[in-house]
C-alpha atoms as a PDB file:
ATOM      1  CA  UNK A   1       5.013 235.573-191.294  1.00  0.00           C
ATOM      2  CA  UNK A   2       8.012 237.147-189.597  1.00  0.00           C
ATOM      3  CA  UNK A   3       9.725 237.561-192.949  1.00  0.00           C
ATOM      4  CA  UNK A   4       6.634 239.277-194.361  1.00  0.00           C
ATOM      5  CA  UNK A   5       6.550 241.674-191.408  1.00  0.00           C
ATOM      6  CA  UNK A   6      10.222 242.573-191.849  1.00  0.00           C
ATOM      7  CA  UNK A   7       9.654 243.105-195.564  1.00  0.00           C
ATOM      8  CA  UNK A   8       6.675 245.406-194.922  1.00  0.00           C
ATOM      9  CA  UNK A   9       8.661 247.445-192.412  1.00  0.00           C
ATOM     10  CA  UNK A  10      11.510 247.726-194.877  1.00  0.00           C
ATOM     11  CA  UNK A  11       9.204 248.985-197.627  1.00  0.00           C
ATOM     12  CA  UNK A  12       7.561 251.470-195.242  1.00  0.00           C
ATOM     13  CA  UNK A  13      10.970 252.745-194.129  1.00  0.00           C
ATOM     14  CA  UNK A  14      12.041 253.242-197.729  1.00  0.00           C
ATOM     15  CA  UNK A  15       8.872 255.173-198.498  1.00  0.00           C
ATOM     16  CA  UNK A  16       9.568 257.494-195.590  1.00  0.00           C
ATOM     17  CA  UNK A  17      13.174 257.964-196.699  1.00  0.00           C
ATOM     18  CA  UNK A  18      11.997 258.766-200.242  1.00  0.00           C
ATOM     19  CA  UNK A  19       9.491 261.293-198.902  1.00  0.00           C
ATOM     20  CA  UNK A  20      12.194 262.910-196.759  1.00  0.00           C
ATOM     21  CA  UNK A  21      14.597 263.067-199.687  1.00  0.00           C
ATOM     22  CA  UNK A  22      11.953 264.722-201.858  1.00  0.00           C
ATOM     23  CA  UNK A  23      11.318 267.210-199.066  1.00  0.00           C
ATOM     24  CA  UNK A  24      15.000 268.113-198.851  1.00  0.00           C
ATOM     25  CA  UNK A  25      15.317 268.568-202.614  1.00  0.00           C
ATOM     26  CA  UNK A  26      12.173 270.668-202.835  1.00  0.00           C
ATOM     27  CA  UNK A  27      13.328 272.900-199.968  1.00  0.00           C
ATOM     28  CA  UNK A  28      16.524 273.668-201.844  1.00  0.00           C
ATOM     29  CA  UNK A  29      14.302 275.197-204.535  1.00  0.00           C
ATOM     30  CA  UNK A  30      12.200 277.107-202.007  1.00  0.00           C
ATOM     31  CA  UNK A  31       9.253 274.708-202.241  1.00  0.00           C
ATOM     32  CA  UNK A  32       7.680 273.467-198.973  1.00  0.00           C
ATOM     33  CA  UNK A  33       5.194 271.132-200.654  1.00  0.00           C
ATOM     34  CA  UNK A  34       6.988 267.869-199.867  1.00  0.00           C
ATOM     35  CA  UNK A  35       7.913 268.959-196.371  1.00  0.00           C
ATOM     36  CA  UNK A  36       4.246 269.589-195.622  1.00  0.00           C
ATOM     37  CA  UNK A  37       3.397 266.232-197.204  1.00  0.00           C
ATOM     38  CA  UNK A  38       5.810 264.618-194.736  1.00  0.00           C
ATOM     39  CA  UNK A  39       4.134 266.412-191.838  1.00  0.00           C
ATOM     40  CA  UNK A  40       0.696 265.469-193.131  1.00  0.00           C
ATOM     41  CA  UNK A  41       1.681 261.800-193.250  1.00  0.00           C
ATOM     42  CA  UNK A  42       2.575 262.018-189.560  1.00  0.00           C
ATOM     43  CA  UNK A  43      -0.841 263.451-188.669  1.00  0.00           C
ATOM     44  CA  UNK A  44      -2.521 260.132-187.750  1.00  0.00           C
ATOM     45  CA  UNK A  45       0.294 259.278-185.345  1.00  0.00           C
ATOM     46  CA  UNK A  46       0.320 262.728-183.770  1.00  0.00           C
ATOM     47  CA  UNK A  47      -3.444 262.876-183.432  1.00  0.00           C
ATOM     48  CA  UNK A  48      -3.627 259.538-181.623  1.00  0.00           C
ATOM     49  CA  UNK A  49      -1.003 260.603-179.103  1.00  0.00           C
ATOM     50  CA  UNK A  50      -2.523 264.097-178.752  1.00  0.00           C
ATOM     51  CA  UNK A  51      -5.803 262.576-177.570  1.00  0.00           C
ATOM     52  CA  UNK A  52      -3.944 260.583-174.933  1.00  0.00           C
ATOM     53  CA  UNK A  53      -2.045 263.660-173.722  1.00  0.00           C
ATOM     54  CA  UNK A  54      -5.212 265.739-173.655  1.00  0.00           C
ATOM     55  CA  UNK A  55      -7.053 263.087-171.657  1.00  0.00           C
ATOM     56  CA  UNK A  56      -4.279 262.251-169.175  1.00  0.00           C
ATOM     57  CA  UNK A  57      -3.051 265.798-168.517  1.00  0.00           C
ATOM     58  CA  UNK A  58      -6.372 267.581-169.001  1.00  0.00           C
ATOM     59  CA  UNK A  59      -4.990 269.894-171.658  1.00  0.00           C
ATOM     60  CA  UNK A  60      -6.856 271.402-174.571  1.00  0.00           C
ATOM     61  CA  UNK A  61      -6.704 269.021-177.540  1.00  0.00           C
ATOM     62  CA  UNK A  62      -6.211 271.756-180.127  1.00  0.00           C
ATOM     63  CA  UNK A  63      -3.366 273.273-178.109  1.00  0.00           C
ATOM     64  CA  UNK A  64      -1.668 269.886-177.883  1.00  0.00           C
ATOM     65  CA  UNK A  65      -1.957 269.386-181.635  1.00  0.00           C
ATOM     66  CA  UNK A  66      -0.648 272.875-182.287  1.00  0.00           C
ATOM     67  CA  UNK A  67       2.367 272.204-180.067  1.00  0.00           C
ATOM     68  CA  UNK A  68       3.020 268.930-181.876  1.00  0.00           C
ATOM     69  CA  UNK A  69       2.972 270.437-185.332  1.00  0.00           C
ATOM     70  CA  UNK A  70       5.147 273.323-184.176  1.00  0.00           C
ATOM     71  CA  UNK A  71       7.698 270.869-182.797  1.00  0.00           C
ATOM     72  CA  UNK A  72       7.480 268.810-186.008  1.00  0.00           C
ATOM     73  CA  UNK A  73       8.474 271.745-188.192  1.00  0.00           C
ATOM     74  CA  UNK A  74      11.271 272.775-185.831  1.00  0.00           C
ATOM     75  CA  UNK A  75      12.607 269.219-185.657  1.00  0.00           C
ATOM     76  CA  UNK A  76      12.504 268.944-189.456  1.00  0.00           C
ATOM     77  CA  UNK A  77      14.832 271.924-189.661  1.00  0.00           C
ATOM     78  CA  UNK A  78      17.090 270.460-186.984  1.00  0.00           C
ATOM     79  CA  UNK A  79      17.566 267.265-188.985  1.00  0.00           C
ATOM     80  CA  UNK A  80      18.838 269.000-192.116  1.00  0.00           C
ATOM     81  CA  UNK A  81      22.415 268.295-191.087  1.00  0.00           C
ATOM     82  CA  UNK A  82      23.814 265.248-189.362  1.00  0.00           C
ATOM     83  CA  UNK A  83      20.659 263.116-189.140  1.00  0.00           C
ATOM     84  CA  UNK A  84      20.417 259.982-191.341  1.00  0.00           C
ATOM     85  CA  UNK A  85      17.196 259.822-193.400  1.00  0.00           C
ATOM     86  CA  UNK A  86      16.196 256.626-191.628  1.00  0.00           C
ATOM     87  CA  UNK A  87      16.214 258.417-188.268  1.00  0.00           C
ATOM     88  CA  UNK A  88      14.374 261.606-189.254  1.00  0.00           C
ATOM     89  CA  UNK A  89      10.859 260.291-188.695  1.00  0.00           C
ATOM     90  CA  UNK A  90      11.700 258.917-185.237  1.00  0.00           C
ATOM     91  CA  UNK A  91      13.438 262.152-184.210  1.00  0.00           C
ATOM     92  CA  UNK A  92      10.601 264.365-185.439  1.00  0.00           C
ATOM     93  CA  UNK A  93       7.869 262.310-183.750  1.00  0.00           C
ATOM     94  CA  UNK A  94       9.818 262.145-180.480  1.00  0.00           C
ATOM     95  CA  UNK A  95      10.329 265.915-180.552  1.00  0.00           C
ATOM     96  CA  UNK A  96       6.611 266.444-181.095  1.00  0.00           C
ATOM     97  CA  UNK A  97       5.728 264.164-178.179  1.00  0.00           C
ATOM     98  CA  UNK A  98       8.280 265.770-175.864  1.00  0.00           C
ATOM     99  CA  UNK A  99       7.136 269.342-176.491  1.00  0.00           C
ATOM    100  CA  UNK A 100       3.460 268.438-176.223  1.00  0.00           C
ATOM    101  CA  UNK A 101       3.974 266.644-172.895  1.00  0.00           C
ATOM    102  CA  UNK A 102       6.133 269.476-171.552  1.00  0.00           C
ATOM    103  CA  UNK A 103       3.622 272.194-172.340  1.00  0.00           C
ATOM    104  CA  UNK A 104       0.615 270.140-171.297  1.00  0.00           C
ATOM    105  CA  UNK A 105       2.193 269.485-167.886  1.00  0.00           C
ATOM    106  CA  UNK A 106       2.901 273.193-167.502  1.00  0.00           C
ATOM    107  CA  UNK A 107      -0.514 274.396-168.606  1.00  0.00           C
ATOM    108  CA  UNK A 108      -2.814 271.399-168.314  1.00  0.00           C
ATOM    109  CA  UNK A 109      -6.356 272.125-167.109  1.00  0.00           C
ATOM    110  CA  UNK A 110      -6.276 275.757-168.189  1.00  0.00           C
ATOM    111  CA  UNK A 111      -8.704 275.046-171.009  1.00  0.00           C
ATOM    112  CA  UNK A 112     -11.422 274.799-168.373  1.00  0.00           C
ATOM    113  CA  UNK A 113     -10.729 278.301-167.145  1.00  0.00           C
ATOM    114  CA  UNK A 114     -12.541 280.103-169.941  1.00  0.00           C
ATOM    115  CA  UNK A 115      -9.825 282.620-170.668  1.00  0.00           C
ATOM    116  CA  UNK A 116      -8.290 282.652-167.238  1.00  0.00           C
ATOM    117  CA  UNK A 117      -4.859 283.440-168.710  1.00  0.00           C
ATOM    118  CA  UNK A 118      -5.977 287.019-169.232  1.00  0.00           C
ATOM    119  CA  UNK A 119      -6.881 287.671-165.637  1.00  0.00           C
ATOM    120  CA  UNK A 120      -5.214 287.632-162.210  1.00  0.00           C
ATOM    121  CA  UNK A 121      -5.709 284.482-160.197  1.00  0.00           C
ATOM    122  CA  UNK A 122      -8.039 284.570-157.218  1.00  0.00           C
ATOM    123  CA  UNK A 123      -5.373 283.816-154.585  1.00  0.00           C
ATOM    124  CA  UNK A 124      -3.286 286.773-155.775  1.00  0.00           C
ATOM    125  CA  UNK A 125      -6.255 289.074-156.039  1.00  0.00           C
ATOM    126  CA  UNK A 126      -8.108 288.074-152.875  1.00  0.00           C
ATOM    127  CA  UNK A 127      -5.951 289.883-150.339  1.00  0.00           C
ATOM    128  CA  UNK A 128      -6.065 293.037-152.408  1.00  0.00           C
ATOM    129  CA  UNK A 129      -9.795 292.819-153.070  1.00  0.00           C
ATOM    130  CA  UNK A 130     -10.571 292.434-149.403  1.00  0.00           C
ATOM    131  CA  UNK A 131      -8.474 295.583-148.983  1.00  0.00           C
ATOM    132  CA  UNK A 132      -7.513 295.146-145.371  1.00  0.00           C
ATOM    133  CA  UNK A 133      -3.931 294.092-144.761  1.00  0.00           C
ATOM    134  CA  UNK A 134      -2.245 296.639-147.016  1.00  0.00           C
ATOM    135  CA  UNK A 135      -4.770 299.447-146.582  1.00  0.00           C
ATOM    136  CA  UNK A 136      -3.286 302.882-145.941  1.00  0.00           C
ATOM    137  CA  UNK A 137      -6.740 304.261-145.138  1.00  0.00           C
ATOM    138  CA  UNK A 138      -9.074 302.320-142.885  1.00  0.00           C
ATOM    139  CA  UNK A 139     -12.537 302.210-144.429  1.00  0.00           C
ATOM    140  CA  UNK A 140     -14.149 302.477-141.014  1.00  0.00           C
ATOM    141  CA  UNK A 141     -12.628 305.956-140.767  1.00  0.00           C
ATOM    142  CA  UNK A 142     -14.075 307.085-144.101  1.00  0.00           C
ATOM    143  CA  UNK A 143     -17.528 308.532-143.520  1.00  0.00           C
ATOM    144  CA  UNK A 144     -18.107 309.993-146.973  1.00  0.00           C
ATOM    145  CA  UNK A 145     -19.476 307.143-149.147  1.00  0.00           C
ATOM    146  CA  UNK A 146     -18.213 308.802-152.330  1.00  0.00           C
ATOM    147  CA  UNK A 147     -14.649 308.913-150.968  1.00  0.00           C
ATOM    148  CA  UNK A 148     -14.856 305.277-149.863  1.00  0.00           C
ATOM    149  CA  UNK A 149     -16.158 304.356-153.308  1.00  0.00           C
ATOM    150  CA  UNK A 150     -13.277 306.166-154.998  1.00  0.00           C
ATOM    151  CA  UNK A 151     -10.725 304.451-152.764  1.00  0.00           C
ATOM    152  CA  UNK A 152     -12.179 301.036-153.606  1.00  0.00           C
ATOM    153  CA  UNK A 153     -12.003 301.722-157.318  1.00  0.00           C
ATOM    154  CA  UNK A 154      -8.506 303.178-157.173  1.00  0.00           C
ATOM    155  CA  UNK A 155      -7.173 300.219-155.214  1.00  0.00           C
ATOM    156  CA  UNK A 156      -8.628 297.802-157.722  1.00  0.00           C
ATOM    157  CA  UNK A 157      -7.031 299.808-160.534  1.00  0.00           C
ATOM    158  CA  UNK A 158      -3.691 299.816-158.706  1.00  0.00           C
ATOM    159  CA  UNK A 159      -3.958 296.038-158.314  1.00  0.00           C
ATOM    160  CA  UNK A 160      -4.527 295.606-162.055  1.00  0.00           C
ATOM    161  CA  UNK A 161      -1.543 297.844-162.828  1.00  0.00           C
ATOM    162  CA  UNK A 162       0.631 295.923-160.379  1.00  0.00           C
ATOM    163  CA  UNK A 163      -0.290 292.607-161.992  1.00  0.00           C
ATOM    164  CA  UNK A 164       0.153 293.851-165.552  1.00  0.00           C
ATOM    165  CA  UNK A 165      -3.500 293.673-166.592  1.00  0.00           C
ATOM    166  CA  UNK A 166      -3.988 297.266-167.664  1.00  0.00           C
ATOM    167  CA  UNK A 167      -4.613 296.269-171.274  1.00  0.00           C
ATOM    168  CA  UNK A 168      -7.357 293.867-170.181  1.00  0.00           C
ATOM    169  CA  UNK A 169      -8.849 296.623-168.043  1.00  0.00           C
ATOM    170  CA  UNK A 170      -8.774 299.123-170.908  1.00  0.00           C
ATOM    171  CA  UNK A 171     -10.430 296.623-173.240  1.00  0.00           C
ATOM    172  CA  UNK A 172     -13.131 295.826-170.689  1.00  0.00           C
ATOM    173  CA  UNK A 173     -13.821 299.495-170.031  1.00  0.00           C
ATOM    174  CA  UNK A 174     -14.080 300.200-173.732  1.00  0.00           C
ATOM    175  CA  UNK A 175     -16.693 297.467-173.991  1.00  0.00           C
ATOM    176  CA  UNK A 176     -18.604 299.210-171.191  1.00  0.00           C
ATOM    177  CA  UNK A 177     -18.385 302.511-173.072  1.00  0.00           C
ATOM    178  CA  UNK A 178     -19.618 300.768-176.197  1.00  0.00           C
ATOM    179  CA  UNK A 179     -22.641 299.484-174.320  1.00  0.00           C
ATOM    180  CA  UNK A 180     -21.662 295.815-174.532  1.00  0.00           C
ATOM    181  CA  UNK A 181     -22.236 295.273-170.788  1.00  0.00           C
ATOM    182  CA  UNK A 182     -25.545 296.052-169.090  1.00  0.00           C
ATOM    183  CA  UNK A 183     -23.890 297.603-166.035  1.00  0.00           C
ATOM    184  CA  UNK A 184     -25.535 297.841-162.619  1.00  0.00           C
ATOM    185  CA  UNK A 185     -29.096 298.996-162.098  1.00  0.00           C
ATOM    186  CA  UNK A 186     -29.319 302.322-160.246  1.00  0.00           C
ATOM    187  CA  UNK A 187     -31.451 300.732-157.538  1.00  0.00           C
ATOM    188  CA  UNK A 188     -28.349 299.004-156.107  1.00  0.00           C
ATOM    189  CA  UNK A 189     -26.365 302.249-155.979  1.00  0.00           C
ATOM    190  CA  UNK A 190     -26.366 304.291-152.805  1.00  0.00           C
ATOM    191  CA  UNK A 191     -25.409 307.742-151.624  1.00  0.00           C
ATOM    192  CA  UNK A 192     -23.200 309.798-153.911  1.00  0.00           C
ATOM    193  CA  UNK A 193     -23.017 306.953-156.391  1.00  0.00           C
ATOM    194  CA  UNK A 194     -26.553 307.748-157.505  1.00  0.00           C
ATOM    195  CA  UNK A 195     -25.484 311.294-158.355  1.00  0.00           C
ATOM    196  CA  UNK A 196     -22.479 310.089-160.340  1.00  0.00           C
ATOM    197  CA  UNK A 197     -24.652 307.569-162.142  1.00  0.00           C
ATOM    198  CA  UNK A 198     -27.068 310.340-163.087  1.00  0.00           C
ATOM    199  CA  UNK A 199     -24.208 312.393-164.501  1.00  0.00           C
ATOM    200  CA  UNK A 200     -22.132 309.641-166.113  1.00  0.00           C
ATOM    201  CA  UNK A 201     -24.652 306.912-166.743  1.00  0.00           C
ATOM    202  CA  UNK A 202     -25.026 303.802-164.547  1.00  0.00           C
ATOM    203  CA  UNK A 203     -23.222 301.665-167.140  1.00  0.00           C
ATOM    204  CA  UNK A 204     -19.925 303.041-165.834  1.00  0.00           C
ATOM    205  CA  UNK A 205     -20.319 301.060-162.625  1.00  0.00           C
ATOM    206  CA  UNK A 206     -19.588 297.351-162.413  1.00  0.00           C
ATOM    207  CA  UNK A 207     -18.904 294.604-159.899  1.00  0.00           C
ATOM    208  CA  UNK A 208     -15.295 293.509-159.460  1.00  0.00           C
ATOM    209  CA  UNK A 209     -16.343 289.980-160.432  1.00  0.00           C
ATOM    210  CA  UNK A 210     -17.503 291.285-163.841  1.00  0.00           C
ATOM    211  CA  UNK A 211     -13.835 291.679-164.746  1.00  0.00           C
ATOM    212  CA  UNK A 212     -13.141 287.985-164.210  1.00  0.00           C
ATOM    213  CA  UNK A 213     -14.364 285.007-166.274  1.00  0.00           C
ATOM    214  CA  UNK A 214     -17.746 283.711-165.148  1.00  0.00           C
ATOM    215  CA  UNK A 215     -16.286 280.241-164.511  1.00  0.00           C
ATOM    216  CA  UNK A 216     -12.865 278.759-163.787  1.00  0.00           C
ATOM    217  CA  UNK A 217     -11.646 275.182-163.835  1.00  0.00           C
ATOM    218  CA  UNK A 218     -11.541 273.021-160.740  1.00  0.00           C
ATOM    219  CA  UNK A 219      -7.726 273.187-160.628  1.00  0.00           C
ATOM    220  CA  UNK A 220      -7.785 276.987-160.294  1.00  0.00           C
ATOM    221  CA  UNK A 221     -10.664 276.859-157.834  1.00  0.00           C
ATOM    222  CA  UNK A 222      -8.857 274.326-155.639  1.00  0.00           C
ATOM    223  CA  UNK A 223      -5.708 276.445-155.731  1.00  0.00           C
ATOM    224  CA  UNK A 224      -7.681 279.514-154.675  1.00  0.00           C
ATOM    225  CA  UNK A 225      -9.235 277.549-151.801  1.00  0.00           C
ATOM    226  CA  UNK A 226      -5.848 276.243-150.697  1.00  0.00           C
ATOM    227  CA  UNK A 227      -6.595 272.558-151.234  1.00  0.00           C
ATOM    228  CA  UNK A 228      -5.101 269.940-153.535  1.00  0.00           C
ATOM    229  CA  UNK A 229      -6.867 269.250-156.814  1.00  0.00           C
ATOM    230  CA  UNK A 230      -7.156 265.562-155.877  1.00  0.00           C
ATOM    231  CA  UNK A 231      -8.848 266.567-152.622  1.00  0.00           C
ATOM    232  CA  UNK A 232     -11.299 268.730-154.580  1.00  0.00           C
ATOM    233  CA  UNK A 233     -12.240 265.793-156.808  1.00  0.00           C
ATOM    234  CA  UNK A 234     -12.649 263.589-153.749  1.00  0.00           C
ATOM    235  CA  UNK A 235     -14.948 266.152-152.085  1.00  0.00           C
ATOM    236  CA  UNK A 236     -17.065 266.333-155.246  1.00  0.00           C
ATOM    237  CA  UNK A 237     -17.400 262.534-155.348  1.00  0.00           C
ATOM    238  CA  UNK A 238     -18.377 262.511-151.676  1.00  0.00           C
ATOM    239  CA  UNK A 239     -20.793 265.408-152.124  1.00  0.00           C
ATOM    240  CA  UNK A 240     -18.804 267.583-149.693  1.00  0.00           C
ATOM    241  CA  UNK A 241     -17.446 270.249-152.044  1.00  0.00           C
ATOM    242  CA  UNK A 242     -18.442 273.586-150.455  1.00  0.00           C
ATOM    243  CA  UNK A 243     -19.624 275.316-153.655  1.00  0.00           C
ATOM    244  CA  UNK A 244     -21.711 274.093-156.613  1.00  0.00           C
ATOM    245  CA  UNK A 245     -19.797 272.751-159.616  1.00  0.00           C
ATOM    246  CA  UNK A 246     -20.803 272.341-163.241  1.00  0.00           C
ATOM    247  CA  UNK A 247     -19.715 269.369-165.282  1.00  0.00           C
ATOM    248  CA  UNK A 248     -17.680 270.336-168.348  1.00  0.00           C
ATOM    249  CA  UNK A 249     -16.587 267.397-170.482  1.00  0.00           C
ATOM    250  CA  UNK A 250     -14.203 265.379-168.325  1.00  0.00           C
ATOM    251  CA  UNK A 251     -13.757 268.166-165.790  1.00  0.00           C
ATOM    252  CA  UNK A 252     -15.657 270.672-163.690  1.00  0.00           C
ATOM    253  CA  UNK A 253     -16.183 274.412-163.627  1.00  0.00           C
ATOM    254  CA  UNK A 254     -16.844 276.654-160.648  1.00  0.00           C
ATOM    255  CA  UNK A 255     -18.653 279.987-160.649  1.00  0.00           C
ATOM    256  CA  UNK A 256     -16.244 282.799-159.798  1.00  0.00           C
ATOM    257  CA  UNK A 257     -18.893 284.797-157.957  1.00  0.00           C
ATOM    258  CA  UNK A 258     -19.901 281.778-155.880  1.00  0.00           C
ATOM    259  CA  UNK A 259     -16.265 281.086-155.050  1.00  0.00           C
ATOM    260  CA  UNK A 260     -15.672 284.703-154.049  1.00  0.00           C
ATOM    261  CA  UNK A 261     -18.709 284.542-151.761  1.00  0.00           C
ATOM    262  CA  UNK A 262     -17.438 281.321-150.155  1.00  0.00           C
ATOM    263  CA  UNK A 263     -13.991 282.842-149.616  1.00  0.00           C
ATOM    264  CA  UNK A 264     -15.543 286.029-148.223  1.00  0.00           C
ATOM    265  CA  UNK A 265     -13.975 288.163-150.953  1.00  0.00           C
ATOM    266  CA  UNK A 266     -16.078 291.292-151.276  1.00  0.00           C
ATOM    267  CA  UNK A 267     -17.581 291.663-154.734  1.00  0.00           C
ATOM    268  CA  UNK A 268     -17.536 295.447-154.491  1.00  0.00           C
ATOM    269  CA  UNK A 269     -19.039 297.952-156.896  1.00  0.00           C
ATOM    270  CA  UNK A 270     -16.467 300.179-158.609  1.00  0.00           C
ATOM    271  CA  UNK A 271     -16.635 303.085-161.020  1.00  0.00           C
ATOM    272  CA  UNK A 272     -14.481 302.699-164.117  1.00  0.00           C
ATOM    273  CA  UNK A 273     -13.069 306.226-163.786  1.00  0.00           C
ATOM    274  CA  UNK A 274     -11.805 305.437-160.282  1.00  0.00           C
ATOM    275  CA  UNK A 275     -10.245 302.178-161.482  1.00  0.00           C
ATOM    276  CA  UNK A 276      -8.448 303.969-164.314  1.00  0.00           C
ATOM    277  CA  UNK A 277      -7.265 306.692-161.943  1.00  0.00           C
ATOM    278  CA  UNK A 278      -5.896 304.091-159.514  1.00  0.00           C
ATOM    279  CA  UNK A 279      -4.000 302.386-162.330  1.00  0.00           C
ATOM    280  CA  UNK A 280      -2.581 305.758-163.354  1.00  0.00           C
ATOM    281  CA  UNK A 281      -1.434 306.553-159.798  1.00  0.00           C
ATOM    282  CA  UNK A 282       0.219 303.155-159.487  1.00  0.00           C
ATOM    283  CA  UNK A 283       2.098 303.739-162.733  1.00  0.00           C
END
């Protein structure tokens, strides 16, 4: 039996070496067919490990696979010189595993954030959104509601400029102009805001929370609350987590608006013109 196993391994190794040799020869003629055949033959191995990485590190499965195949192609190029054919497969697979683990550890859990990469994190934004510690003008001293409204919008715009999210802001505002967001009903607007809404259209107003994703993953929520992710999971199991959570596959999601309310971050109403002006001043 042992002899049969050794013989099978030897035949398999020779098949891989033949496939690699064909890939090298084809590449010399500008043909990637055999190289891609080599990568395709590795797919079952990579997919099995990708599921493990995705499960253990809570990373998006498709991202893990993408990282693996990227590393596979890079490693193939690295082995063109100085790597024996018998070692190519091992080197390529190891490179794919290493890159996938590295990136999953760096970005694991972000797939639950529903696009959170495009937006500032709550801990960074909270102090600015509350608009107290760094305020030049004290809101209690501003009696004109229109002026206070403009200051709120301009500070939010300055925050977005500071954090490098002007492109996201511009895209969001264009969607408002295109009528893709319902906006805020005029009944919630007060004072001078009603006049501006009558002139501009109420769709130009929105809540600060409208700019953020509706839900974020538990890792981001725990970070915003200043607790460890493990503690957050423990609180959920014990029924002591302070805000409602939604189950999402193997993880949880938290409503951004609910989290802002719990953290006493004001979900203020802003006018898009004021936000754009604030970003322009900050520039």
